[in-house]
Amino acid sequence: MALSRARRRSAAVDYWPGFVDAMATLLLVIIFLLSIFMLAQFFLSQEITGRDTVLNRLNQQIAELTELLALERATGQELQSRISTLTTNLETARAEQDRLRGILDRPVEEDDSPSIIAGLEQEIDAEQAISREALNQVELLNQQISALRRQIGALEDALDASETRDRESQTRIADLGRRLNVALAQRVQELSRYRSDFFGRLRQILSQRSDIRVEGDRFVFQSEVLFSSGSADVSSGGTSELSQLANAIIELEAAIPSEINWVIRVDGHTDSEPPSGQGRFATNWELSTARATSVVRFLVSEGVSPEHLMAAGFGEFQPLVEGDDPESLARNRRIEFKLTER
């Protein structure tokens, strides 16, 4: 039976590895491109957020000016209505005044008593006083309307200026977005070039180890190279490998321009077997995180700048291969190094 299983395993190895590796490489390339796209969108959204704040403030000012303009126009309409009413009253008073003067100007008859004539004169005087008051109010309202029209003109000019600034801001934001996309694409291309140089340097340094390899955009160490089983302390054998890696990272720090925000992400991965009950880690997640952190600490002790390193633990949830046979479990226990943007 053991011989039969060995033959089946051998047959599976003969048929599938090339296909699986090709599919895995394609998947990793797609994931990398998606990561770059999401990163570019993040930086673009961060840059545009500030412009959105300015644009929102301009829109708020335009809304306030529009509301104030509508209020001023309503006030103008009310004043026009009052002027119309006063003009009508003035015309009525003048008509009444003319009627009374006509009565006074006709020949005095015998039955016209002095009291009647005096009463008519008093009515005429009252009508004249009303006319003068109405004229004064009309003049005052005309002055107010003129001032209101000047205010409306100023508000319309301010509104036009705000709309012009709004259009200019929209144009600047669109131009900024285009330039930012170009800059991000250039940064991604530049970082990709440094990644290729860095991985090439690592291949030269660590080319003799079959348990250290490149998987897509990551450099992969099998956990056994760096750690004992169930431990998160770097082994004495792993220190020499990590020391060579640290030297390569220090060379990379000197080569990459300071304006490029980059990090080497150290990812810890485990197999699907739970940690030993006697160990100090309750879950594989804790073990993978502790191992990634130990690697980062060692690299820092070797002179690598802390701002260019970050640690992450993934436990058993991102396996390279499926299966619970010893070979698959060993391959999934790994430490990955990925050069990426912050």
C-alpha atoms as a PDB file:
ATOM      1  CA  MET A   1       0.000   0.000   0.000  1.00  0.00           C
ATOM      2  CA  ALA A   2       2.857   2.422   0.841  1.00  0.00           C
ATOM      3  CA  LEU A   3       4.414   1.614  -2.548  1.00  0.00           C
ATOM      4  CA  SER A   4       1.062   2.392  -4.254  1.00  0.00           C
ATOM      5  CA  ARG A   5       0.799   5.792  -2.495  1.00  0.00           C
ATOM      6  CA  ALA A   6       4.374   6.610  -3.482  1.00  0.00           C
ATOM      7  CA  ARG A   7       3.566   5.794  -7.122  1.00  0.00           C
ATOM      8  CA  ARG A   8       0.433   7.968  -7.029  1.00  0.00           C
ATOM      9  CA  ARG A   9       2.414  10.864  -5.500  1.00  0.00           C
ATOM     10  CA  SER A  10       5.068  10.457  -8.160  1.00  0.00           C
ATOM     11  CA  ALA A  11       2.424  10.520 -10.887  1.00  0.00           C
ATOM     12  CA  ALA A  12       0.871  13.696  -9.448  1.00  0.00           C
ATOM     13  CA  VAL A  13       4.271  15.355  -9.340  1.00  0.00           C
ATOM     14  CA  ASP A  14       4.899  14.406 -12.979  1.00  0.00           C
ATOM     15  CA  TYR A  15       1.623  15.850 -14.316  1.00  0.00           C
ATOM     16  CA  TRP A  16       0.734  18.949 -12.302  1.00  0.00           C
ATOM     17  CA  PRO A  17       3.669  21.011 -10.887  1.00  0.00           C
ATOM     18  CA  GLY A  18       4.271  23.037 -14.034  1.00  0.00           C
ATOM     19  CA  PHE A  19       0.584  23.855 -14.422  1.00  0.00           C
ATOM     20  CA  VAL A  20       0.133  24.717 -10.738  1.00  0.00           C
ATOM     21  CA  ASP A  21       3.242  26.944 -10.710  1.00  0.00           C
ATOM     22  CA  ALA A  22       2.066  28.779 -13.829  1.00  0.00           C
ATOM     23  CA  MET A  23      -1.390  29.375 -12.378  1.00  0.00           C
ATOM     24  CA  ALA A  24       0.081  30.460  -9.035  1.00  0.00           C
ATOM     25  CA  THR A  25       2.440  32.897 -10.784  1.00  0.00           C
ATOM     26  CA  LEU A  26      -0.445  34.343 -12.821  1.00  0.00           C
ATOM     27  CA  LEU A  27      -2.553  34.729  -9.682  1.00  0.00           C
ATOM     28  CA  LEU A  28       0.287  36.465  -7.864  1.00  0.00           C
ATOM     29  CA  VAL A  29       0.793  38.880 -10.764  1.00  0.00           C
ATOM     30  CA  ILE A  30      -2.915  39.720 -10.751  1.00  0.00           C
ATOM     31  CA  ILE A  31      -2.885  40.243  -6.979  1.00  0.00           C
ATOM     32  CA  PHE A  32       0.180  42.471  -7.291  1.00  0.00           C
ATOM     33  CA  LEU A  33      -1.446  44.599 -10.005  1.00  0.00           C
ATOM     34  CA  LEU A  34      -4.613  44.921  -7.934  1.00  0.00           C
ATOM     35  CA  SER A  35      -2.515  45.959  -4.921  1.00  0.00           C
ATOM     36  CA  ILE A  36      -0.749  48.635  -6.987  1.00  0.00           C
ATOM     37  CA  PHE A  37      -4.092  49.882  -8.276  1.00  0.00           C
ATOM     38  CA  MET A  38      -5.586  50.082  -4.784  1.00  0.00           C
ATOM     39  CA  LEU A  39      -2.482  51.880  -3.514  1.00  0.00           C
ATOM     40  CA  ALA A  40      -2.663  54.402  -6.333  1.00  0.00           C
ATOM     41  CA  GLN A  41      -6.350  54.994  -5.638  1.00  0.00           C
ATOM     42  CA  PHE A  42      -5.588  55.493  -1.934  1.00  0.00           C
ATOM     43  CA  PHE A  43      -2.972  58.188  -2.598  1.00  0.00           C
ATOM     44  CA  LEU A  44      -5.217  59.826  -5.163  1.00  0.00           C
ATOM     45  CA  SER A  45      -8.175  59.912  -2.750  1.00  0.00           C
ATOM     46  CA  GLN A  46      -5.927  61.360  -0.007  1.00  0.00           C
ATOM     47  CA  GLU A  47      -4.751  64.127  -2.335  1.00  0.00           C
ATOM     48  CA  ILE A  48      -8.206  64.919  -3.668  1.00  0.00           C
ATOM     49  CA  THR A  49      -9.797  64.978  -0.186  1.00  0.00           C
ATOM     50  CA  GLY A  50      -8.118  68.304   0.530  1.00  0.00           C
ATOM     51  CA  ARG A  51      -9.327  69.703  -2.787  1.00  0.00           C
ATOM     52  CA  ASP A  52     -12.846  68.454  -2.024  1.00  0.00           C
ATOM     53  CA  THR A  53     -12.759  70.443   1.218  1.00  0.00           C
ATOM     54  CA  VAL A  54     -11.918  73.641  -0.690  1.00  0.00           C
ATOM     55  CA  LEU A  55     -14.577  72.848  -3.279  1.00  0.00           C
ATOM     56  CA  ASN A  56     -17.202  72.212  -0.591  1.00  0.00           C
ATOM     57  CA  ARG A  57     -16.336  75.533   1.035  1.00  0.00           C
ATOM     58  CA  LEU A  58     -16.748  77.327  -2.307  1.00  0.00           C
ATOM     59  CA  ASN A  59     -20.084  75.592  -2.895  1.00  0.00           C
ATOM     60  CA  GLN A  60     -21.223  76.652   0.576  1.00  0.00           C
ATOM     61  CA  GLN A  61     -20.250  80.263  -0.145  1.00  0.00           C
ATOM     62  CA  ILE A  62     -22.124  80.137  -3.455  1.00  0.00           C
ATOM     63  CA  ALA A  63     -25.221  78.772  -1.672  1.00  0.00           C
ATOM     64  CA  GLU A  64     -25.029  81.537   0.950  1.00  0.00           C
ATOM     65  CA  LEU A  65     -24.632  84.220  -1.733  1.00  0.00           C
ATOM     66  CA  THR A  66     -27.548  82.773  -3.699  1.00  0.00           C
ATOM     67  CA  GLU A  67     -29.752  82.765  -0.609  1.00  0.00           C
ATOM     68  CA  LEU A  68     -28.744  86.342   0.237  1.00  0.00           C
ATOM     69  CA  LEU A  69     -29.417  87.417  -3.345  1.00  0.00           C
ATOM     70  CA  ALA A  70     -32.886  85.857  -3.251  1.00  0.00           C
ATOM     71  CA  LEU A  71     -33.592  87.662   0.051  1.00  0.00           C
ATOM     72  CA  GLU A  72     -32.461  90.993  -1.376  1.00  0.00           C
ATOM     73  CA  ARG A  73     -34.630  90.493  -4.446  1.00  0.00           C
ATOM     74  CA  ALA A  74     -37.633  89.692  -2.285  1.00  0.00           C
ATOM     75  CA  THR A  75     -36.973  92.882  -0.301  1.00  0.00           C
ATOM     76  CA  GLY A  76     -36.795  94.817  -3.582  1.00  0.00           C
ATOM     77  CA  GLN A  77     -40.121  93.407  -4.684  1.00  0.00           C
ATOM     78  CA  GLU A  78     -41.674  94.402  -1.364  1.00  0.00           C
ATOM     79  CA  LEU A  79     -40.343  97.950  -1.717  1.00  0.00           C
ATOM     80  CA  GLN A  80     -41.698  98.154  -5.261  1.00  0.00           C
ATOM     81  CA  SER A  81     -45.093  97.078  -3.966  1.00  0.00           C
ATOM     82  CA  ARG A  82     -44.999  99.747  -1.278  1.00  0.00           C
ATOM     83  CA  ILE A  83     -44.070 102.369  -3.870  1.00  0.00           C
ATOM     84  CA  SER A  84     -46.995 101.309  -6.031  1.00  0.00           C
ATOM     85  CA  THR A  85     -49.361 101.618  -3.061  1.00  0.00           C
ATOM     86  CA  LEU A  86     -48.010 105.033  -2.098  1.00  0.00           C
ATOM     87  CA  THR A  87     -48.187 106.226  -5.711  1.00  0.00           C
ATOM     88  CA  THR A  88     -51.837 105.173  -5.878  1.00  0.00           C
ATOM     89  CA  ASN A  89     -52.556 106.970  -2.595  1.00  0.00           C
ATOM     90  CA  LEU A  90     -50.750 110.057  -3.884  1.00  0.00           C
ATOM     91  CA  GLU A  91     -52.786 110.114  -7.054  1.00  0.00           C
ATOM     92  CA  THR A  92     -55.983 109.708  -5.039  1.00  0.00           C
ATOM     93  CA  ALA A  93     -54.947 112.581  -2.739  1.00  0.00           C
ATOM     94  CA  ARG A  94     -54.132 114.799  -5.721  1.00  0.00           C
ATOM     95  CA  ALA A  95     -57.494 114.007  -7.306  1.00  0.00           C
ATOM     96  CA  GLU A  96     -59.251 114.882  -4.059  1.00  0.00           C
ATOM     97  CA  GLN A  97     -57.197 118.048  -3.812  1.00  0.00           C
ATOM     98  CA  ASP A  98     -58.172 119.070  -7.346  1.00  0.00           C
ATOM     99  CA  ARG A  99     -61.825 118.389  -6.535  1.00  0.00           C
ATOM    100  CA  LEU A 100     -61.675 120.586  -3.450  1.00  0.00           C
ATOM    101  CA  ARG A 101     -59.892 123.365  -5.314  1.00  0.00           C
ATOM    102  CA  GLY A 102     -62.563 123.174  -7.975  1.00  0.00           C
ATOM    103  CA  ILE A 103     -65.184 123.722  -5.309  1.00  0.00           C
ATOM    104  CA  LEU A 104     -63.248 126.683  -3.914  1.00  0.00           C
ATOM    105  CA  ASP A 105     -62.659 128.235  -7.314  1.00  0.00           C
ATOM    106  CA  ARG A 106     -66.310 128.274  -8.383  1.00  0.00           C
ATOM    107  CA  PRO A 107     -68.236 131.542  -7.740  1.00  0.00           C
ATOM    108  CA  VAL A 108     -69.416 132.022  -4.197  1.00  0.00           C
ATOM    109  CA  GLU A 109     -73.115 131.707  -3.920  1.00  0.00           C
ATOM    110  CA  GLU A 110     -75.318 133.187  -1.279  1.00  0.00           C
ATOM    111  CA  ASP A 111     -75.912 129.896   0.455  1.00  0.00           C
ATOM    112  CA  ASP A 112     -72.185 129.221   0.835  1.00  0.00           C
ATOM    113  CA  SER A 113     -71.427 129.966   4.436  1.00  0.00           C
ATOM    114  CA  PRO A 114     -67.910 130.911   5.645  1.00  0.00           C
ATOM    115  CA  SER A 115     -67.794 127.765   7.768  1.00  0.00           C
ATOM    116  CA  ILE A 116     -68.230 125.595   4.726  1.00  0.00           C
ATOM    117  CA  ILE A 117     -65.467 127.433   2.881  1.00  0.00           C
ATOM    118  CA  ALA A 118     -63.150 127.131   5.919  1.00  0.00           C
ATOM    119  CA  GLY A 119     -63.850 123.405   6.140  1.00  0.00           C
ATOM    120  CA  LEU A 120     -62.965 122.981   2.504  1.00  0.00           C
ATOM    121  CA  GLU A 121     -59.704 124.846   2.989  1.00  0.00           C
ATOM    122  CA  GLN A 122     -58.828 122.610   5.944  1.00  0.00           C
ATOM    123  CA  GLU A 123     -59.497 119.510   3.843  1.00  0.00           C
ATOM    124  CA  ILE A 124     -57.275 120.908   1.096  1.00  0.00           C
ATOM    125  CA  ASP A 125     -54.487 121.581   3.600  1.00  0.00           C
ATOM    126  CA  ALA A 126     -54.818 118.038   4.976  1.00  0.00           C
ATOM    127  CA  GLU A 127     -54.708 116.538   1.477  1.00  0.00           C
ATOM    128  CA  GLN A 128     -51.606 118.615   0.668  1.00  0.00           C
ATOM    129  CA  ALA A 129     -49.938 117.379   3.860  1.00  0.00           C
ATOM    130  CA  ILE A 130     -50.770 113.790   2.934  1.00  0.00           C
ATOM    131  CA  SER A 131     -49.383 114.369  -0.570  1.00  0.00           C
ATOM    132  CA  ARG A 132     -46.125 115.815   0.799  1.00  0.00           C
ATOM    133  CA  GLU A 133     -45.730 112.859   3.181  1.00  0.00           C
ATOM    134  CA  ALA A 134     -46.433 110.387   0.388  1.00  0.00           C
ATOM    135  CA  LEU A 135     -43.886 112.126  -1.841  1.00  0.00           C
ATOM    136  CA  ASN A 136     -41.294 111.969   0.923  1.00  0.00           C
ATOM    137  CA  GLN A 137     -41.953 108.254   1.441  1.00  0.00           C
ATOM    138  CA  VAL A 138     -41.750 107.590  -2.306  1.00  0.00           C
ATOM    139  CA  GLU A 139     -38.420 109.428  -2.483  1.00  0.00           C
ATOM    140  CA  LEU A 140     -37.091 107.464   0.496  1.00  0.00           C
ATOM    141  CA  LEU A 141     -38.233 104.176  -1.008  1.00  0.00           C
ATOM    142  CA  ASN A 142     -36.614 105.074  -4.327  1.00  0.00           C
ATOM    143  CA  GLN A 143     -33.335 105.683  -2.492  1.00  0.00           C
ATOM    144  CA  GLN A 144     -33.672 102.342  -0.713  1.00  0.00           C
ATOM    145  CA  ILE A 145     -34.386 100.583  -4.012  1.00  0.00           C
ATOM    146  CA  SER A 146     -31.310 102.176  -5.588  1.00  0.00           C
ATOM    147  CA  ALA A 147     -29.153 101.008  -2.671  1.00  0.00           C
ATOM    148  CA  LEU A 148     -30.753  97.571  -2.867  1.00  0.00           C
ATOM    149  CA  ARG A 149     -30.031  97.348  -6.589  1.00  0.00           C
ATOM    150  CA  ARG A 150     -26.398  98.202  -5.923  1.00  0.00           C
ATOM    151  CA  GLN A 151     -26.266  95.445  -3.288  1.00  0.00           C
ATOM    152  CA  ILE A 152     -27.869  92.955  -5.693  1.00  0.00           C
ATOM    153  CA  GLY A 153     -25.324  93.904  -8.348  1.00  0.00           C
ATOM    154  CA  ALA A 154     -22.475  93.354  -5.875  1.00  0.00           C
ATOM    155  CA  LEU A 155     -23.940  89.994  -4.862  1.00  0.00           C
ATOM    156  CA  GLU A 156     -24.297  88.916  -8.477  1.00  0.00           C
ATOM    157  CA  ASP A 157     -20.670  89.886  -9.128  1.00  0.00           C
ATOM    158  CA  ALA A 158     -19.578  87.929  -6.047  1.00  0.00           C
ATOM    159  CA  LEU A 159     -21.671  84.953  -7.175  1.00  0.00           C
ATOM    160  CA  ASP A 160     -20.132  85.054 -10.649  1.00  0.00           C
ATOM    161  CA  ALA A 161     -16.650  85.246  -9.106  1.00  0.00           C
ATOM    162  CA  SER A 162     -17.405  82.255  -6.850  1.00  0.00           C
ATOM    163  CA  GLU A 163     -18.704  80.201  -9.779  1.00  0.00           C
ATOM    164  CA  THR A 164     -15.581  81.111 -11.747  1.00  0.00           C
ATOM    165  CA  ARG A 165     -13.367  80.002  -8.843  1.00  0.00           C
ATOM    166  CA  ASP A 166     -15.424  76.823  -8.610  1.00  0.00           C
ATOM    167  CA  ARG A 167     -14.838  76.025 -12.274  1.00  0.00           C
ATOM    168  CA  GLU A 168     -11.145  76.819 -11.936  1.00  0.00           C
ATOM    169  CA  SER A 169     -10.904  74.561  -8.869  1.00  0.00           C
ATOM    170  CA  GLN A 170     -12.597  71.714 -10.722  1.00  0.00           C
ATOM    171  CA  THR A 171     -10.119  72.127 -13.584  1.00  0.00           C
ATOM    172  CA  ARG A 172      -7.157  72.182 -11.182  1.00  0.00           C
ATOM    173  CA  ILE A 173      -8.435  69.096  -9.366  1.00  0.00           C
ATOM    174  CA  ALA A 174      -8.845  67.185 -12.628  1.00  0.00           C
ATOM    175  CA  ASP A 175      -5.352  68.230 -13.722  1.00  0.00           C
ATOM    176  CA  LEU A 176      -3.946  67.276 -10.331  1.00  0.00           C
ATOM    177  CA  GLY A 177      -5.585  63.845 -10.582  1.00  0.00           C
ATOM    178  CA  ARG A 178      -4.012  63.255 -13.984  1.00  0.00           C
ATOM    179  CA  ARG A 179      -0.575  64.359 -12.795  1.00  0.00           C
ATOM    180  CA  LEU A 180      -0.890  62.265  -9.650  1.00  0.00           C
ATOM    181  CA  ASN A 181      -1.771  59.167 -11.683  1.00  0.00           C
ATOM    182  CA  VAL A 182       1.266  59.755 -13.898  1.00  0.00           C
ATOM    183  CA  ALA A 183       3.501  60.266 -10.849  1.00  0.00           C
ATOM    184  CA  LEU A 184       2.165  57.134  -9.184  1.00  0.00           C
ATOM    185  CA  ALA A 185       2.741  55.108 -12.333  1.00  0.00           C
ATOM    186  CA  GLN A 186       6.302  56.407 -12.514  1.00  0.00           C
ATOM    187  CA  ARG A 187       6.873  55.574  -8.840  1.00  0.00           C
ATOM    188  CA  VAL A 188       5.500  52.059  -9.333  1.00  0.00           C
ATOM    189  CA  GLN A 189       7.757  51.522 -12.336  1.00  0.00           C
ATOM    190  CA  GLU A 190      10.757  52.873 -10.459  1.00  0.00           C
ATOM    191  CA  LEU A 191      10.026  50.715  -7.413  1.00  0.00           C
ATOM    192  CA  SER A 192       9.592  47.679  -9.686  1.00  0.00           C
ATOM    193  CA  ARG A 193      13.052  48.296 -11.090  1.00  0.00           C
ATOM    194  CA  TYR A 194      14.555  48.454  -7.602  1.00  0.00           C
ATOM    195  CA  ARG A 195      12.630  45.306  -6.660  1.00  0.00           C
ATOM    196  CA  SER A 196      14.154  43.468  -9.627  1.00  0.00           C
ATOM    197  CA  ASP A 197      17.644  44.665  -8.684  1.00  0.00           C
ATOM    198  CA  PHE A 198      17.078  43.694  -5.050  1.00  0.00           C
ATOM    199  CA  PHE A 199      15.835  40.200  -5.884  1.00  0.00           C
ATOM    200  CA  GLY A 200      18.704  39.762  -8.317  1.00  0.00           C
ATOM    201  CA  ARG A 201      21.132  40.650  -5.553  1.00  0.00           C
ATOM    202  CA  LEU A 202      19.450  38.176  -3.176  1.00  0.00           C
ATOM    203  CA  ARG A 203      19.689  35.437  -5.793  1.00  0.00           C
ATOM    204  CA  GLN A 204      23.413  36.033  -5.987  1.00  0.00           C
ATOM    205  CA  ILE A 205      23.818  35.923  -2.216  1.00  0.00           C
ATOM    206  CA  LEU A 206      21.492  32.992  -1.455  1.00  0.00           C
ATOM    207  CA  SER A 207      21.565  31.029  -4.694  1.00  0.00           C
ATOM    208  CA  GLN A 208      22.965  27.903  -3.039  1.00  0.00           C
ATOM    209  CA  ARG A 209      19.879  27.285  -0.880  1.00  0.00           C
ATOM    210  CA  SER A 210      17.009  25.294  -2.379  1.00  0.00           C
ATOM    211  CA  ASP A 211      14.784  26.252   0.560  1.00  0.00           C
ATOM    212  CA  ILE A 212      15.106  29.956  -0.283  1.00  0.00           C
ATOM    213  CA  ARG A 213      13.359  30.959  -3.500  1.00  0.00           C
ATOM    214  CA  VAL A 214      11.414  33.647  -5.357  1.00  0.00           C
ATOM    215  CA  GLU A 215       7.623  33.316  -5.544  1.00  0.00           C
ATOM    216  CA  GLY A 216       6.181  36.030  -7.812  1.00  0.00           C
ATOM    217  CA  ASP A 217       6.992  39.389  -6.177  1.00  0.00           C
ATOM    218  CA  ARG A 218       8.192  37.840  -2.890  1.00  0.00           C
ATOM    219  CA  PHE A 219      11.395  36.276  -1.614  1.00  0.00           C
ATOM    220  CA  VAL A 220      10.529  33.180   0.425  1.00  0.00           C
ATOM    221  CA  PHE A 221      12.436  31.474   3.258  1.00  0.00           C
ATOM    222  CA  GLN A 222      11.180  28.157   4.513  1.00  0.00           C
ATOM    223  CA  SER A 223      10.576  28.461   8.259  1.00  0.00           C
ATOM    224  CA  GLU A 224      13.034  25.653   8.991  1.00  0.00           C
ATOM    225  CA  VAL A 225      15.837  27.883   7.674  1.00  0.00           C
ATOM    226  CA  LEU A 226      15.220  30.440  10.414  1.00  0.00           C
ATOM    227  CA  PHE A 227      13.321  28.761  13.261  1.00  0.00           C
ATOM    228  CA  SER A 228      13.106  25.561  15.195  1.00  0.00           C
ATOM    229  CA  SER A 229       9.741  23.796  15.264  1.00  0.00           C
ATOM    230  CA  GLY A 230       7.170  25.741  17.295  1.00  0.00           C
ATOM    231  CA  SER A 231       9.669  28.528  18.114  1.00  0.00           C
ATOM    232  CA  ALA A 232       9.669  32.217  17.218  1.00  0.00           C
ATOM    233  CA  ASP A 233      13.351  32.761  18.122  1.00  0.00           C
ATOM    234  CA  VAL A 234      15.726  33.035  15.167  1.00  0.00           C
ATOM    235  CA  SER A 235      17.988  29.981  15.172  1.00  0.00           C
ATOM    236  CA  SER A 236      21.772  30.202  15.043  1.00  0.00           C
ATOM    237  CA  GLY A 237      21.683  28.793  11.526  1.00  0.00           C
ATOM    238  CA  GLY A 238      19.184  31.423  10.391  1.00  0.00           C
ATOM    239  CA  THR A 239      21.194  34.386  11.646  1.00  0.00           C
ATOM    240  CA  SER A 240      23.820  34.075   8.890  1.00  0.00           C
ATOM    241  CA  GLU A 241      21.125  34.022   6.183  1.00  0.00           C
ATOM    242  CA  LEU A 242      19.364  37.018   7.701  1.00  0.00           C
ATOM    243  CA  SER A 243      22.681  38.875   8.076  1.00  0.00           C
ATOM    244  CA  GLN A 244      23.261  38.546   4.328  1.00  0.00           C
ATOM    245  CA  LEU A 245      19.699  39.710   3.724  1.00  0.00           C
ATOM    246  CA  ALA A 246      20.262  42.706   6.022  1.00  0.00           C
ATOM    247  CA  ASN A 247      23.353  43.719   4.036  1.00  0.00           C
ATOM    248  CA  ALA A 248      21.346  43.583   0.820  1.00  0.00           C
ATOM    249  CA  ILE A 249      18.596  45.746   2.358  1.00  0.00           C
ATOM    250  CA  ILE A 250      21.156  48.291   3.571  1.00  0.00           C
ATOM    251  CA  GLU A 251      22.524  48.501   0.020  1.00  0.00           C
ATOM    252  CA  LEU A 252      18.933  48.980  -1.188  1.00  0.00           C
ATOM    253  CA  GLU A 253      18.373  51.830   1.289  1.00  0.00           C
ATOM    254  CA  ALA A 254      21.352  53.663  -0.166  1.00  0.00           C
ATOM    255  CA  ALA A 255      20.112  53.149  -3.744  1.00  0.00           C
ATOM    256  CA  ILE A 256      16.410  54.080  -3.528  1.00  0.00           C
ATOM    257  CA  PRO A 257      15.743  57.872  -3.549  1.00  0.00           C
ATOM    258  CA  SER A 258      14.421  59.280  -0.295  1.00  0.00           C
ATOM    259  CA  GLU A 259      11.201  60.560  -1.905  1.00  0.00           C
ATOM    260  CA  ILE A 260      10.012  56.989  -2.582  1.00  0.00           C
ATOM    261  CA  ASN A 261       8.111  55.654   0.444  1.00  0.00           C
ATOM    262  CA  TRP A 262       8.942  51.957   0.516  1.00  0.00           C
ATOM    263  CA  VAL A 263       9.050  49.142   3.020  1.00  0.00           C
ATOM    264  CA  ILE A 264      10.007  45.505   3.105  1.00  0.00           C
ATOM    265  CA  ARG A 265       7.048  43.629   4.502  1.00  0.00           C
ATOM    266  CA  VAL A 266       7.963  40.506   6.444  1.00  0.00           C
ATOM    267  CA  ASP A 267       5.059  38.031   6.357  1.00  0.00           C
ATOM    268  CA  GLY A 268       4.879  35.026   8.648  1.00  0.00           C
ATOM    269  CA  HIS A 269       2.990  31.899   7.495  1.00  0.00           C
ATOM    270  CA  THR A 270       2.415  28.524   9.154  1.00  0.00           C
ATOM    271  CA  ASP A 271       0.988  25.190   8.088  1.00  0.00           C
ATOM    272  CA  SER A 272      -2.482  24.014   9.077  1.00  0.00           C
ATOM    273  CA  GLU A 273      -1.299  21.958  12.049  1.00  0.00           C
ATOM    274  CA  PRO A 274      -2.129  23.628  15.407  1.00  0.00           C
ATOM    275  CA  PRO A 275       0.811  24.679  17.608  1.00  0.00           C
ATOM    276  CA  SER A 276       2.038  22.202  20.174  1.00  0.00           C
ATOM    277  CA  GLY A 277       0.104  22.264  23.427  1.00  0.00           C
ATOM    278  CA  GLN A 278       3.369  22.701  25.318  1.00  0.00           C
ATOM    279  CA  GLY A 279       4.328  25.829  23.364  1.00  0.00           C
ATOM    280  CA  ARG A 280       3.735  29.460  24.289  1.00  0.00           C
ATOM    281  CA  PHE A 281       1.544  30.227  21.258  1.00  0.00           C
ATOM    282  CA  ALA A 282      -2.146  29.441  21.412  1.00  0.00           C
ATOM    283  CA  THR A 283      -2.756  29.813  17.658  1.00  0.00           C
ATOM    284  CA  ASN A 284      -0.830  29.732  14.412  1.00  0.00           C
ATOM    285  CA  TRP A 285      -1.695  33.370  13.969  1.00  0.00           C
ATOM    286  CA  GLU A 286       0.243  34.282  17.086  1.00  0.00           C
ATOM    287  CA  LEU A 287       3.170  32.068  16.037  1.00  0.00           C
ATOM    288  CA  SER A 288       3.352  33.555  12.518  1.00  0.00           C
ATOM    289  CA  THR A 289       3.168  37.112  13.858  1.00  0.00           C
ATOM    290  CA  ALA A 290       5.834  36.451  16.475  1.00  0.00           C
ATOM    291  CA  ARG A 291       8.167  34.971  13.856  1.00  0.00           C
ATOM    292  CA  ALA A 292       7.727  37.925  11.493  1.00  0.00           C
ATOM    293  CA  THR A 293       8.391  40.301  14.398  1.00  0.00           C
ATOM    294  CA  SER A 294      11.553  38.365  15.393  1.00  0.00           C
ATOM    295  CA  VAL A 295      12.899  38.681  11.841  1.00  0.00           C
ATOM    296  CA  VAL A 296      12.216  42.431  11.814  1.00  0.00           C
ATOM    297  CA  ARG A 297      13.963  42.872  15.169  1.00  0.00           C
ATOM    298  CA  PHE A 298      16.992  40.938  13.953  1.00  0.00           C
ATOM    299  CA  LEU A 299      17.238  43.019  10.754  1.00  0.00           C
ATOM    300  CA  VAL A 300      17.030  46.218  12.796  1.00  0.00           C
ATOM    301  CA  SER A 301      19.827  44.938  15.043  1.00  0.00           C
ATOM    302  CA  GLU A 302      21.897  44.417  11.893  1.00  0.00           C
ATOM    303  CA  GLY A 303      21.508  48.073  10.898  1.00  0.00           C
ATOM    304  CA  VAL A 304      18.366  48.141   8.734  1.00  0.00           C
ATOM    305  CA  SER A 305      16.266  51.282   9.277  1.00  0.00           C
ATOM    306  CA  PRO A 306      13.044  50.462  11.194  1.00  0.00           C
ATOM    307  CA  GLU A 307      10.975  52.759   8.959  1.00  0.00           C
ATOM    308  CA  HIS A 308      11.718  50.436   6.028  1.00  0.00           C
ATOM    309  CA  LEU A 309      10.390  47.310   7.747  1.00  0.00           C
ATOM    310  CA  MET A 310       6.997  46.013   8.807  1.00  0.00           C
ATOM    311  CA  ALA A 311       5.803  42.664  10.181  1.00  0.00           C
ATOM    312  CA  ALA A 312       2.570  40.785   9.513  1.00  0.00           C
ATOM    313  CA  GLY A 313       1.266  37.354  10.511  1.00  0.00           C
ATOM    314  CA  PHE A 314      -1.136  35.299   8.371  1.00  0.00           C
ATOM    315  CA  GLY A 315      -1.215  32.007  10.263  1.00  0.00           C
ATOM    316  CA  GLU A 316      -2.310  29.103   8.093  1.00  0.00           C
ATOM    317  CA  PHE A 317      -4.851  31.116   6.078  1.00  0.00           C
ATOM    318  CA  GLN A 318      -2.776  31.824   2.943  1.00  0.00           C
ATOM    319  CA  PRO A 319      -1.193  28.491   1.995  1.00  0.00           C
ATOM    320  CA  LEU A 320       0.924  28.137  -1.116  1.00  0.00           C
ATOM    321  CA  VAL A 321      -0.346  24.618  -1.745  1.00  0.00           C
ATOM    322  CA  GLU A 322      -3.301  22.595  -0.528  1.00  0.00           C
ATOM    323  CA  GLY A 323      -2.873  19.302   1.246  1.00  0.00           C
ATOM    324  CA  ASP A 324      -1.827  17.871   4.591  1.00  0.00           C
ATOM    325  CA  ASP A 325       1.049  15.696   3.419  1.00  0.00           C
ATOM    326  CA  PRO A 326       4.496  16.506   4.893  1.00  0.00           C
ATOM    327  CA  GLU A 327       5.747  18.143   1.704  1.00  0.00           C
ATOM    328  CA  SER A 328       2.769  20.499   1.442  1.00  0.00           C
ATOM    329  CA  LEU A 329       2.887  21.372   5.145  1.00  0.00           C
ATOM    330  CA  ALA A 330       6.608  22.155   4.907  1.00  0.00           C
ATOM    331  CA  ARG A 331       6.144  24.398   1.898  1.00  0.00           C
ATOM    332  CA  ASN A 332       3.403  26.399   3.613  1.00  0.00           C
ATOM    333  CA  ARG A 333       5.628  27.070   6.649  1.00  0.00           C
ATOM    334  CA  ARG A 334       7.523  30.108   5.417  1.00  0.00           C
ATOM    335  CA  ILE A 335       8.692  33.691   5.903  1.00  0.00           C
ATOM    336  CA  GLU A 336       8.122  35.989   2.917  1.00  0.00           C
ATOM    337  CA  PHE A 337       9.848  39.296   2.119  1.00  0.00           C
ATOM    338  CA  LYS A 338       8.006  41.719  -0.142  1.00  0.00           C
ATOM    339  CA  LEU A 339       9.306  45.090  -1.318  1.00  0.00           C
ATOM    340  CA  THR A 340       6.329  47.420  -1.597  1.00  0.00           C
ATOM    341  CA  GLU A 341       5.180  51.016  -1.098  1.00  0.00           C
ATOM    342  CA  ARG A 342       4.001  52.332   2.233  1.00  0.00           C
END
